[in-house]
C-alpha atoms as a PDB file:
ATOM      1  CA  MET A   1     114.060 107.424  79.157  1.00  0.00           C
ATOM      2  CA  ARG A   2     115.162 106.074  82.567  1.00  0.00           C
ATOM      3  CA  ILE A   3     112.611 105.601  85.192  1.00  0.00           C
ATOM      4  CA  LYS A   4     112.363 104.188  88.609  1.00  0.00           C
ATOM      5  CA  ARG A   5     110.094 103.981  91.656  1.00  0.00           C
ATOM      6  CA  VAL A   6     111.084 106.191  94.619  1.00  0.00           C
ATOM      7  CA  PHE A   7     109.756 107.118  98.078  1.00  0.00           C
ATOM      8  CA  VAL A   8     109.224 110.882  98.164  1.00  0.00           C
ATOM      9  CA  ASN A   9     109.378 112.155 101.866  1.00  0.00           C
ATOM     10  CA  ASN A  10     106.118 114.020 101.825  1.00  0.00           C
ATOM     11  CA  LEU A  11     104.112 111.631  99.834  1.00  0.00           C
ATOM     12  CA  SER A  12     102.572 108.322 100.928  1.00  0.00           C
ATOM     13  CA  GLY A  13     103.519 105.143  98.960  1.00  0.00           C
ATOM     14  CA  PRO A  14     106.100 104.767  95.993  1.00  0.00           C
ATOM     15  CA  GLN A  15     106.095 107.022  93.035  1.00  0.00           C
ATOM     16  CA  VAL A  16     107.734 106.819  89.630  1.00  0.00           C
ATOM     17  CA  ALA A  17     110.539 109.325  88.944  1.00  0.00           C
ATOM     18  CA  VAL A  18     112.120 110.251  85.577  1.00  0.00           C
ATOM     19  CA  PHE A  19     115.839 110.835  85.369  1.00  0.00           C
ATOM     20  CA  SER A  20     117.156 114.124  83.857  1.00  0.00           C
ATOM     21  CA  HIS A  21     120.168 116.272  84.431  1.00  0.00           C
ATOM     22  CA  ASN A  22     121.695 114.006  87.145  1.00  0.00           C
ATOM     23  CA  ARG A  23     118.520 113.886  89.470  1.00  0.00           C
ATOM     24  CA  TRP A  24     115.382 111.833  89.603  1.00  0.00           C
ATOM     25  CA  ILE A  25     112.265 113.851  89.375  1.00  0.00           C
ATOM     26  CA  PRO A  26     109.194 112.281  90.918  1.00  0.00           C
ATOM     27  CA  LEU A  27     106.045 112.410  88.601  1.00  0.00           C
ATOM     28  CA  PRO A  28     103.793 114.192  91.027  1.00  0.00           C
ATOM     29  CA  HIS A  29     106.089 117.085  90.862  1.00  0.00           C
ATOM     30  CA  LEU A  30     106.862 116.760  87.150  1.00  0.00           C
ATOM     31  CA  LEU A  31     103.104 116.598  86.198  1.00  0.00           C
ATOM     32  CA  SER A  32     101.963 119.256  88.555  1.00  0.00           C
ATOM     33  CA  PRO A  33     105.026 121.739  88.929  1.00  0.00           C
ATOM     34  CA  LYS A  34     102.993 124.465  90.578  1.00  0.00           C
ATOM     35  CA  GLY A  35     100.627 122.051  92.483  1.00  0.00           C
ATOM     36  CA  GLN A  36      98.025 122.176  90.009  1.00  0.00           C
ATOM     37  CA  ARG A  37      95.748 119.064  89.512  1.00  0.00           C
ATOM     38  CA  VAL A  38      97.254 116.421  87.353  1.00  0.00           C
ATOM     39  CA  SER A  39      95.345 115.546  84.081  1.00  0.00           C
ATOM     40  CA  GLU A  40      93.480 112.340  84.167  1.00  0.00           C
ATOM     41  CA  ASP A  41      95.267 110.908  81.324  1.00  0.00           C
ATOM     42  CA  LEU A  42      98.639 111.314  82.978  1.00  0.00           C
ATOM     43  CA  SER A  43      97.574 110.681  86.788  1.00  0.00           C
ATOM     44  CA  ARG A  44      97.633 106.907  86.109  1.00  0.00           C
ATOM     45  CA  PHE A  45     101.552 107.070  85.619  1.00  0.00           C
ATOM     46  CA  ILE A  46     102.257 108.582  88.988  1.00  0.00           C
ATOM     47  CA  SER A  47     103.008 105.204  90.929  1.00  0.00           C
ATOM     48  CA  ASP A  48     102.565 102.581  88.166  1.00  0.00           C
ATOM     49  CA  THR A  49     105.694 101.867  86.060  1.00  0.00           C
ATOM     50  CA  LEU A  50     103.786  99.120  83.922  1.00  0.00           C
ATOM     51  CA  SER A  51     101.331 102.040  82.734  1.00  0.00           C
ATOM     52  CA  ILE A  52     104.166 104.048  81.606  1.00  0.00           C
ATOM     53  CA  LEU A  53     105.773 100.963  79.649  1.00  0.00           C
ATOM     54  CA  ARG A  54     102.326 100.373  78.168  1.00  0.00           C
ATOM     55  CA  ALA A  55     101.941 103.989  76.904  1.00  0.00           C
ATOM     56  CA  GLY A  56     104.582 103.644  74.282  1.00  0.00           C
ATOM     57  CA  THR A  57     107.283 105.868  72.728  1.00  0.00           C
ATOM     58  CA  ALA A  58     105.299 109.257  72.337  1.00  0.00           C
ATOM     59  CA  THR A  59     104.411 109.362  75.943  1.00  0.00           C
ATOM     60  CA  TRP A  60     107.954 108.328  76.977  1.00  0.00           C
ATOM     61  CA  ASN A  61     109.316 111.339  74.807  1.00  0.00           C
ATOM     62  CA  LYS A  62     106.777 113.712  76.322  1.00  0.00           C
ATOM     63  CA  LEU A  63     107.708 112.822  79.889  1.00  0.00           C
ATOM     64  CA  GLN A  64     111.471 112.845  79.032  1.00  0.00           C
ATOM     65  CA  GLN A  65     111.062 116.291  77.499  1.00  0.00           C
ATOM     66  CA  MET A  66     109.106 117.644  80.560  1.00  0.00           C
ATOM     67  CA  ALA A  67     111.874 116.230  82.781  1.00  0.00           C
ATOM     68  CA  ASP A  68     114.623 117.895  80.623  1.00  0.00           C
ATOM     69  CA  THR A  69     113.108 121.333  80.836  1.00  0.00           C
ATOM     70  CA  PHE A  70     111.937 121.027  84.628  1.00  0.00           C
ATOM     71  CA  ASP A  71     113.679 123.834  86.562  1.00  0.00           C
ATOM     72  CA  GLN A  72     111.873 123.593  90.079  1.00  0.00           C
ATOM     73  CA  ASP A  73     113.248 122.161  93.332  1.00  0.00           C
ATOM     74  CA  ILE A  74     112.069 118.796  94.423  1.00  0.00           C
ATOM     75  CA  PRO A  75     111.868 117.375  97.755  1.00  0.00           C
ATOM     76  CA  GLU A  76     114.488 114.970  99.094  1.00  0.00           C
ATOM     77  CA  LEU A  77     113.901 111.246  98.237  1.00  0.00           C
ATOM     78  CA  ASP A  78     114.063 108.307 100.619  1.00  0.00           C
ATOM     79  CA  ASP A  79     116.944 106.085  99.418  1.00  0.00           C
ATOM     80  CA  ARG A  80     115.235 102.871 100.433  1.00  0.00           C
ATOM     81  CA  PRO A  81     115.582 100.607  97.416  1.00  0.00           C
ATOM     82  CA  LEU A  82     112.399  99.550  95.416  1.00  0.00           C
ATOM     83  CA  ILE A  83     111.727  96.990  92.743  1.00  0.00           C
ATOM     84  CA  PRO A  84     110.936  98.793  89.469  1.00  0.00           C
ATOM     85  CA  PHE A  85     107.217  97.621  89.505  1.00  0.00           C
ATOM     86  CA  GLU A  86     105.040  95.191  91.125  1.00  0.00           C
ATOM     87  CA  PRO A  87     104.789  91.906  88.899  1.00  0.00           C
ATOM     88  CA  LEU A  88     101.368  90.513  88.512  1.00  0.00           C
ATOM     89  CA  SER A  89     102.703  87.240  87.662  1.00  0.00           C
ATOM     90  CA  TYR A  90     105.863  85.472  86.818  1.00  0.00           C
ATOM     91  CA  ARG A  91     107.078  82.625  84.448  1.00  0.00           C
ATOM     92  CA  ASP A  92     110.574  81.362  84.282  1.00  0.00           C
ATOM     93  CA  PHE A  93     111.254  79.453  80.989  1.00  0.00           C
ATOM     94  CA  MET A  94     114.150  77.274  80.144  1.00  0.00           C
ATOM     95  CA  LEU A  95     114.318  77.867  76.230  1.00  0.00           C
ATOM     96  CA  PHE A  96     118.024  76.917  75.308  1.00  0.00           C
ATOM     97  CA  GLU A  97     119.125  73.407  74.972  1.00  0.00           C
ATOM     98  CA  GLN A  98     122.642  74.302  76.129  1.00  0.00           C
ATOM     99  CA  HIS A  99     121.315  75.837  79.432  1.00  0.00           C
ATOM    100  CA  PHE A 100     119.171  72.602  80.011  1.00  0.00           C
ATOM    101  CA  ILE A 101     122.553  70.487  79.465  1.00  0.00           C
ATOM    102  CA  GLN A 102     124.660  72.777  81.632  1.00  0.00           C
ATOM    103  CA  ALA A 103     122.049  72.701  84.492  1.00  0.00           C
ATOM    104  CA  ARG A 104     122.101  68.983  84.635  1.00  0.00           C
ATOM    105  CA  ARG A 105     125.859  68.864  84.478  1.00  0.00           C
ATOM    106  CA  GLY A 106     126.104  71.453  87.357  1.00  0.00           C
ATOM    107  CA  TYR A 107     123.669  69.330  89.421  1.00  0.00           C
ATOM    108  CA  VAL A 108     125.591  66.162  88.940  1.00  0.00           C
ATOM    109  CA  ARG A 109     129.051  67.844  89.683  1.00  0.00           C
ATOM    110  CA  ARG A 110     127.698  69.244  92.839  1.00  0.00           C
ATOM    111  CA  PHE A 111     125.688  66.479  94.218  1.00  0.00           C
ATOM    112  CA  LYS A 112     126.886  63.283  92.418  1.00  0.00           C
ATOM    113  CA  PRO A 113     130.802  63.564  92.278  1.00  0.00           C
ATOM    114  CA  TRP A 114     131.432  59.780  91.089  1.00  0.00           C
ATOM    115  CA  THR A 115     128.578  60.191  88.298  1.00  0.00           C
ATOM    116  CA  HIS A 116     130.254  63.513  87.310  1.00  0.00           C
ATOM    117  CA  LYS A 117     133.604  61.717  86.748  1.00  0.00           C
ATOM    118  CA  ILE A 118     131.898  59.090  84.513  1.00  0.00           C
ATOM    119  CA  THR A 119     129.839  61.521  82.550  1.00  0.00           C
ATOM    120  CA  THR A 120     132.850  63.719  82.140  1.00  0.00           C
ATOM    121  CA  MET A 121     134.902  60.857  80.701  1.00  0.00           C
ATOM    122  CA  TYR A 122     132.069  59.939  78.495  1.00  0.00           C
ATOM    123  CA  GLU A 123     131.938  63.372  76.969  1.00  0.00           C
ATOM    124  CA  LYS A 124     135.510  63.567  76.365  1.00  0.00           C
ATOM    125  CA  ILE A 125     135.636  60.288  74.514  1.00  0.00           C
ATOM    126  CA  PHE A 126     132.459  60.773  72.390  1.00  0.00           C
ATOM    127  CA  ARG A 127     132.552  64.667  72.204  1.00  0.00           C
ATOM    128  CA  HIS A 128     128.839  65.248  72.768  1.00  0.00           C
ATOM    129  CA  PRO A 129     126.641  65.552  75.845  1.00  0.00           C
ATOM    130  CA  PHE A 130     126.022  62.673  77.926  1.00  0.00           C
ATOM    131  CA  PRO A 131     122.554  61.363  76.736  1.00  0.00           C
ATOM    132  CA  ALA A 132     120.731  61.717  80.144  1.00  0.00           C
ATOM    133  CA  PHE A 133     121.787  65.517  80.176  1.00  0.00           C
ATOM    134  CA  LYS A 134     119.747  66.126  77.021  1.00  0.00           C
ATOM    135  CA  PRO A 135     116.028  67.082  77.155  1.00  0.00           C
ATOM    136  CA  ASN A 136     113.423  64.551  75.943  1.00  0.00           C
ATOM    137  CA  SER A 137     111.558  65.257  72.669  1.00  0.00           C
ATOM    138  CA  PHE A 138     108.493  66.749  74.632  1.00  0.00           C
ATOM    139  CA  TRP A 139     110.815  69.685  75.628  1.00  0.00           C
ATOM    140  CA  TYR A 140     111.343  70.613  72.016  1.00  0.00           C
ATOM    141  CA  LYS A 141     107.696  71.000  71.337  1.00  0.00           C
ATOM    142  CA  ASN A 142     106.534  72.859  74.422  1.00  0.00           C
ATOM    143  CA  PRO A 143     108.169  75.746  76.354  1.00  0.00           C
ATOM    144  CA  MET A 144     109.320  74.380  79.764  1.00  0.00           C
ATOM    145  CA  TYR A 145     108.724  76.965  82.516  1.00  0.00           C
ATOM    146  CA  TYR A 146     107.810  77.206  86.255  1.00  0.00           C
ATOM    147  CA  MET A 147     105.359  79.722  87.736  1.00  0.00           C
ATOM    148  CA  GLY A 148     107.446  81.529  90.476  1.00  0.00           C
ATOM    149  CA  ASN A 149     105.800  83.634  93.460  1.00  0.00           C
ATOM    150  CA  HIS A 150     105.549  87.116  91.970  1.00  0.00           C
ATOM    151  CA  LEU A 151     105.379  88.595  95.365  1.00  0.00           C
ATOM    152  CA  ASN A 152     109.014  87.475  96.302  1.00  0.00           C
ATOM    153  CA  PHE A 153     110.766  89.993  93.957  1.00  0.00           C
ATOM    154  CA  VAL A 154     113.341  92.169  95.671  1.00  0.00           C
ATOM    155  CA  THR A 155     115.757  94.852  94.382  1.00  0.00           C
ATOM    156  CA  ASP A 156     119.452  95.552  94.464  1.00  0.00           C
ATOM    157  CA  ASP A 157     121.160  95.270  97.912  1.00  0.00           C
ATOM    158  CA  HIS A 158     118.262  93.656  99.537  1.00  0.00           C
ATOM    159  CA  PRO A 159     119.470  90.809 101.766  1.00  0.00           C
ATOM    160  CA  ILE A 160     118.283  87.345 100.834  1.00  0.00           C
ATOM    161  CA  GLY A 161     117.860  84.657 103.695  1.00  0.00           C
ATOM    162  CA  PHE A 162     119.469  81.341 103.108  1.00  0.00           C
ATOM    163  CA  PRO A 163     116.808  78.846 103.685  1.00  0.00           C
ATOM    164  CA  SER A 164     117.650  76.716 106.903  1.00  0.00           C
ATOM    165  CA  TYR A 165     116.540  73.459 105.322  1.00  0.00           C
ATOM    166  CA  SER A 166     118.839  73.672 102.363  1.00  0.00           C
ATOM    167  CA  GLU A 167     122.549  72.779 102.083  1.00  0.00           C
ATOM    168  CA  ALA A 168     123.098  74.468  98.677  1.00  0.00           C
ATOM    169  CA  LEU A 169     121.904  77.705  97.149  1.00  0.00           C
ATOM    170  CA  ASP A 170     121.536  78.054  93.272  1.00  0.00           C
ATOM    171  CA  TYR A 171     121.692  81.371  91.716  1.00  0.00           C
ATOM    172  CA  GLU A 172     121.727  82.342  88.082  1.00  0.00           C
ATOM    173  CA  LEU A 173     121.762  85.403  85.801  1.00  0.00           C
ATOM    174  CA  GLU A 174     118.139  85.613  84.165  1.00  0.00           C
ATOM    175  CA  LEU A 175     117.127  87.449  81.003  1.00  0.00           C
ATOM    176  CA  GLY A 176     113.756  89.010  81.706  1.00  0.00           C
ATOM    177  CA  ALA A 177     110.948  90.587  79.498  1.00  0.00           C
ATOM    178  CA  ILE A 178     108.146  92.629  80.846  1.00  0.00           C
ATOM    179  CA  ILE A 179     104.850  91.825  79.186  1.00  0.00           C
ATOM    180  CA  VAL A 180     102.710  94.919  79.229  1.00  0.00           C
ATOM    181  CA  HIS A 181      99.757  93.928  76.962  1.00  0.00           C
ATOM    182  CA  PRO A 182      97.680  90.563  77.100  1.00  0.00           C
ATOM    183  CA  LEU A 183      98.603  87.994  74.839  1.00  0.00           C
ATOM    184  CA  LYS A 184      97.133  84.626  73.691  1.00  0.00           C
ATOM    185  CA  ASN A 185      98.467  82.415  70.719  1.00  0.00           C
ATOM    186  CA  ALA A 186     100.565  85.403  69.756  1.00  0.00           C
ATOM    187  CA  THR A 187     102.706  85.603  66.545  1.00  0.00           C
ATOM    188  CA  PRO A 188     106.440  86.342  67.178  1.00  0.00           C
ATOM    189  CA  ARG A 189     105.620  89.904  65.953  1.00  0.00           C
ATOM    190  CA  GLU A 190     102.759  90.446  68.460  1.00  0.00           C
ATOM    191  CA  ALA A 191     104.837  89.007  71.220  1.00  0.00           C
ATOM    192  CA  LEU A 192     107.704  91.362  70.451  1.00  0.00           C
ATOM    193  CA  LYS A 193     105.211  94.420  70.415  1.00  0.00           C
ATOM    194  CA  ALA A 194     103.932  93.400  73.845  1.00  0.00           C
ATOM    195  CA  ILE A 195     107.311  93.597  75.640  1.00  0.00           C
ATOM    196  CA  GLY A 196     107.509  96.926  77.562  1.00  0.00           C
ATOM    197  CA  GLY A 197     110.975  96.386  78.977  1.00  0.00           C
END
């Protein structure tokens, strides 16, 4: 099932929409096709993507089936891009040793060109990473992360301002997991079950 948040011209605030037959069907129309009241158990999905992700496969299948058989007109959608959901918090982890090493190499290459020449020569001779590029022993025992500002997420085609105080901008491809159930001291299996998308 494909879902996204959209603005519907005659409704206030973003609504979740389900994709079917080359169109996005907003949930208020899907769940109340003739304008009747939406049942309480489904009304929480109308504008909250995370609620849908929490609901699981049975609900996803039900919504998709409803969308696939929906045969009514829908109002025009506003094409303003929206993020898929409003994050409640944000943690950015550095879990792979190679990424840690590459990040340090990149910093040295960009900001310390003479040091970069020395470290590159060292790595060519000894055929392993320069010692200062490797994480210390604490890194292997505890996940390293920073807490980012969850209110600063933007979506596709949204312009990002270059900070006036900076001379360099770092951008990366990130792999994200949306956690939809509370976790504490979770096993790998429990953690996997809590991933909603």
